[in-house]
Amino acid sequence: MIANYGFSAALTARPGLGDRLVDLLLTGLNQGGPGASEHCVVYLVSRSTSNPDIVHVTEGWTSEDDHHRVFAGAAARSIVAQIGPLLAKEPEYTDYVPVRGKAAL
């Protein structure tokens, strides 16, 4: 599958909660989670090297509609609801249209 829609998000956890935020975001890869969807081509969780409470998420989706449909589901809504209390500030999002690349983990 090819990613035709994507975004990255920078999330800043409250001090000391970066590990919990990473663990929560990684549950998105579990069966039934948004990252496990056939429409999710890229789901990458990363951390800042200088601040472990800054977490980055990069996602690539078959389409923007597929992304919105999957995130309207119960599993994604549950994860999103749990993220809010862990954050020190609002996430910073950048949406994009993938052109070409490689994703192999």
C-alpha atoms as a PDB file:
ATOM      1  CA  MET A   1       0.000   0.000   0.000  1.00  0.00           C
ATOM      2  CA  ILE A   2       1.027   3.575  -0.590  1.00  0.00           C
ATOM      3  CA  ALA A   3       0.653   6.440   1.869  1.00  0.00           C
ATOM      4  CA  ASN A   4      -1.292   9.291   0.301  1.00  0.00           C
ATOM      5  CA  TYR A   5      -1.832  11.250   3.515  1.00  0.00           C
ATOM      6  CA  GLY A   6       0.272  11.653   6.592  1.00  0.00           C
ATOM      7  CA  PHE A   7       1.193  13.807   9.528  1.00  0.00           C
ATOM      8  CA  SER A   8       3.690  14.160  12.282  1.00  0.00           C
ATOM      9  CA  ALA A   9       2.958  15.269  15.808  1.00  0.00           C
ATOM     10  CA  ALA A  10       5.252  16.514  18.545  1.00  0.00           C
ATOM     11  CA  LEU A  11       3.832  15.763  21.977  1.00  0.00           C
ATOM     12  CA  THR A  12       5.345  17.134  25.161  1.00  0.00           C
ATOM     13  CA  ALA A  13       4.573  15.036  28.202  1.00  0.00           C
ATOM     14  CA  ARG A  14       4.369  16.428  31.699  1.00  0.00           C
ATOM     15  CA  PRO A  15       7.774  16.090  33.396  1.00  0.00           C
ATOM     16  CA  GLY A  16       8.651  12.441  33.949  1.00  0.00           C
ATOM     17  CA  LEU A  17       5.686  11.067  31.967  1.00  0.00           C
ATOM     18  CA  GLY A  18       7.467  10.517  28.649  1.00  0.00           C
ATOM     19  CA  ASP A  19       7.722   6.746  29.214  1.00  0.00           C
ATOM     20  CA  ARG A  20       4.009   6.473  29.917  1.00  0.00           C
ATOM     21  CA  LEU A  21       3.214   8.502  26.799  1.00  0.00           C
ATOM     22  CA  VAL A  22       5.434   6.297  24.621  1.00  0.00           C
ATOM     23  CA  ASP A  23       3.902   3.124  26.074  1.00  0.00           C
ATOM     24  CA  LEU A  24       0.399   4.447  25.454  1.00  0.00           C
ATOM     25  CA  LEU A  25       1.148   5.464  21.869  1.00  0.00           C
ATOM     26  CA  LEU A  26       2.677   2.051  21.170  1.00  0.00           C
ATOM     27  CA  THR A  27      -0.589   0.373  22.168  1.00  0.00           C
ATOM     28  CA  GLY A  28      -1.841   1.828  18.882  1.00  0.00           C
ATOM     29  CA  LEU A  29       0.067  -1.002  17.185  1.00  0.00           C
ATOM     30  CA  ASN A  30      -1.852  -3.693  19.065  1.00  0.00           C
ATOM     31  CA  GLN A  31      -4.459  -5.711  17.220  1.00  0.00           C
ATOM     32  CA  GLY A  32      -7.501  -3.495  16.740  1.00  0.00           C
ATOM     33  CA  GLY A  33      -5.465  -0.328  17.302  1.00  0.00           C
ATOM     34  CA  PRO A  34      -5.208   2.405  14.686  1.00  0.00           C
ATOM     35  CA  GLY A  35      -1.604   1.573  13.790  1.00  0.00           C
ATOM     36  CA  ALA A  36      -2.596  -2.027  13.075  1.00  0.00           C
ATOM     37  CA  SER A  37      -5.189  -0.951  10.506  1.00  0.00           C
ATOM     38  CA  GLU A  38      -4.614  -2.075   6.929  1.00  0.00           C
ATOM     39  CA  HIS A  39      -4.923   1.607   6.001  1.00  0.00           C
ATOM     40  CA  CYS A  40      -2.018   2.673   8.228  1.00  0.00           C
ATOM     41  CA  VAL A  41       1.183   2.408   6.204  1.00  0.00           C
ATOM     42  CA  VAL A  42       3.506   4.127   8.703  1.00  0.00           C
ATOM     43  CA  TYR A  43       3.151   4.394  12.488  1.00  0.00           C
ATOM     44  CA  LEU A  44       6.407   5.475  14.066  1.00  0.00           C
ATOM     45  CA  VAL A  45       6.874   6.629  17.663  1.00  0.00           C
ATOM     46  CA  SER A  46      10.165   8.410  18.428  1.00  0.00           C
ATOM     47  CA  ARG A  47      11.680  10.408  21.272  1.00  0.00           C
ATOM     48  CA  SER A  48      13.762  13.540  21.410  1.00  0.00           C
ATOM     49  CA  THR A  49      17.402  12.828  22.155  1.00  0.00           C
ATOM     50  CA  SER A  50      17.650  15.929  24.329  1.00  0.00           C
ATOM     51  CA  ASN A  51      14.358  15.662  26.252  1.00  0.00           C
ATOM     52  CA  PRO A  52      12.758  12.258  26.965  1.00  0.00           C
ATOM     53  CA  ASP A  53       9.417  13.936  27.607  1.00  0.00           C
ATOM     54  CA  ILE A  54       9.134  15.076  23.971  1.00  0.00           C
ATOM     55  CA  VAL A  55       7.643  12.328  21.819  1.00  0.00           C
ATOM     56  CA  HIS A  56       7.148  12.377  18.063  1.00  0.00           C
ATOM     57  CA  VAL A  57       4.594  10.346  16.133  1.00  0.00           C
ATOM     58  CA  THR A  58       4.753   9.970  12.361  1.00  0.00           C
ATOM     59  CA  GLU A  59       1.832   8.386  10.557  1.00  0.00           C
ATOM     60  CA  GLY A  60       1.182   7.586   6.901  1.00  0.00           C
ATOM     61  CA  TRP A  61      -2.263   6.538   5.693  1.00  0.00           C
ATOM     62  CA  THR A  62      -3.766   5.296   2.460  1.00  0.00           C
ATOM     63  CA  SER A  63      -6.007   8.384   2.502  1.00  0.00           C
ATOM     64  CA  GLU A  64      -7.117  11.175   4.803  1.00  0.00           C
ATOM     65  CA  ASP A  65     -10.628   9.676   4.834  1.00  0.00           C
ATOM     66  CA  ASP A  66      -9.235   6.311   5.990  1.00  0.00           C
ATOM     67  CA  HIS A  67      -7.318   8.046   8.768  1.00  0.00           C
ATOM     68  CA  HIS A  68     -10.399   9.911   9.982  1.00  0.00           C
ATOM     69  CA  ARG A  69     -12.559   6.790   9.795  1.00  0.00           C
ATOM     70  CA  VAL A  70     -10.078   4.682  11.807  1.00  0.00           C
ATOM     71  CA  PHE A  71      -9.618   7.428  14.405  1.00  0.00           C
ATOM     72  CA  ALA A  72     -13.379   7.642  14.855  1.00  0.00           C
ATOM     73  CA  GLY A  73     -13.269   4.056  16.181  1.00  0.00           C
ATOM     74  CA  ALA A  74     -13.366   3.090  19.847  1.00  0.00           C
ATOM     75  CA  ALA A  75      -9.722   1.952  20.109  1.00  0.00           C
ATOM     76  CA  ALA A  76      -8.306   5.203  18.743  1.00  0.00           C
ATOM     77  CA  ARG A  77     -10.714   7.351  20.765  1.00  0.00           C
ATOM     78  CA  SER A  78      -9.636   5.518  23.919  1.00  0.00           C
ATOM     79  CA  ILE A  79      -5.952   6.184  23.253  1.00  0.00           C
ATOM     80  CA  VAL A  80      -6.571   9.838  22.421  1.00  0.00           C
ATOM     81  CA  ALA A  81      -8.601  10.292  25.626  1.00  0.00           C
ATOM     82  CA  GLN A  82      -5.728   8.897  27.703  1.00  0.00           C
ATOM     83  CA  ILE A  83      -3.098  11.085  26.027  1.00  0.00           C
ATOM     84  CA  GLY A  84      -4.555  14.434  27.139  1.00  0.00           C
ATOM     85  CA  PRO A  85      -3.835  14.123  30.881  1.00  0.00           C
ATOM     86  CA  LEU A  86      -0.208  13.165  30.153  1.00  0.00           C
ATOM     87  CA  LEU A  87       0.555  16.305  28.146  1.00  0.00           C
ATOM     88  CA  ALA A  88       2.151  19.521  29.354  1.00  0.00           C
ATOM     89  CA  LYS A  89       0.896  21.462  26.319  1.00  0.00           C
ATOM     90  CA  GLU A  90      -1.117  21.035  23.130  1.00  0.00           C
ATOM     91  CA  PRO A  91       0.469  18.755  20.505  1.00  0.00           C
ATOM     92  CA  GLU A  92       2.001  20.382  17.449  1.00  0.00           C
ATOM     93  CA  TYR A  93       0.812  18.787  14.183  1.00  0.00           C
ATOM     94  CA  THR A  94       2.136  19.010  10.658  1.00  0.00           C
ATOM     95  CA  ASP A  95       0.140  17.324   7.927  1.00  0.00           C
ATOM     96  CA  TYR A  96       1.636  16.386   4.599  1.00  0.00           C
ATOM     97  CA  VAL A  97       1.242  14.428   1.412  1.00  0.00           C
ATOM     98  CA  PRO A  98       3.969  11.772   1.122  1.00  0.00           C
ATOM     99  CA  VAL A  99       5.855  11.853  -2.163  1.00  0.00           C
ATOM    100  CA  ARG A 100       8.295   8.949  -1.958  1.00  0.00           C
ATOM    101  CA  GLY A 101      10.445   7.234   0.611  1.00  0.00           C
ATOM    102  CA  LYS A 102      11.147   4.090   2.529  1.00  0.00           C
ATOM    103  CA  ALA A 103       9.853   2.710   5.798  1.00  0.00           C
ATOM    104  CA  ALA A 104      11.449  -0.437   7.122  1.00  0.00           C
ATOM    105  CA  LEU A 105      11.828  -1.020  10.829  1.00  0.00           C
END
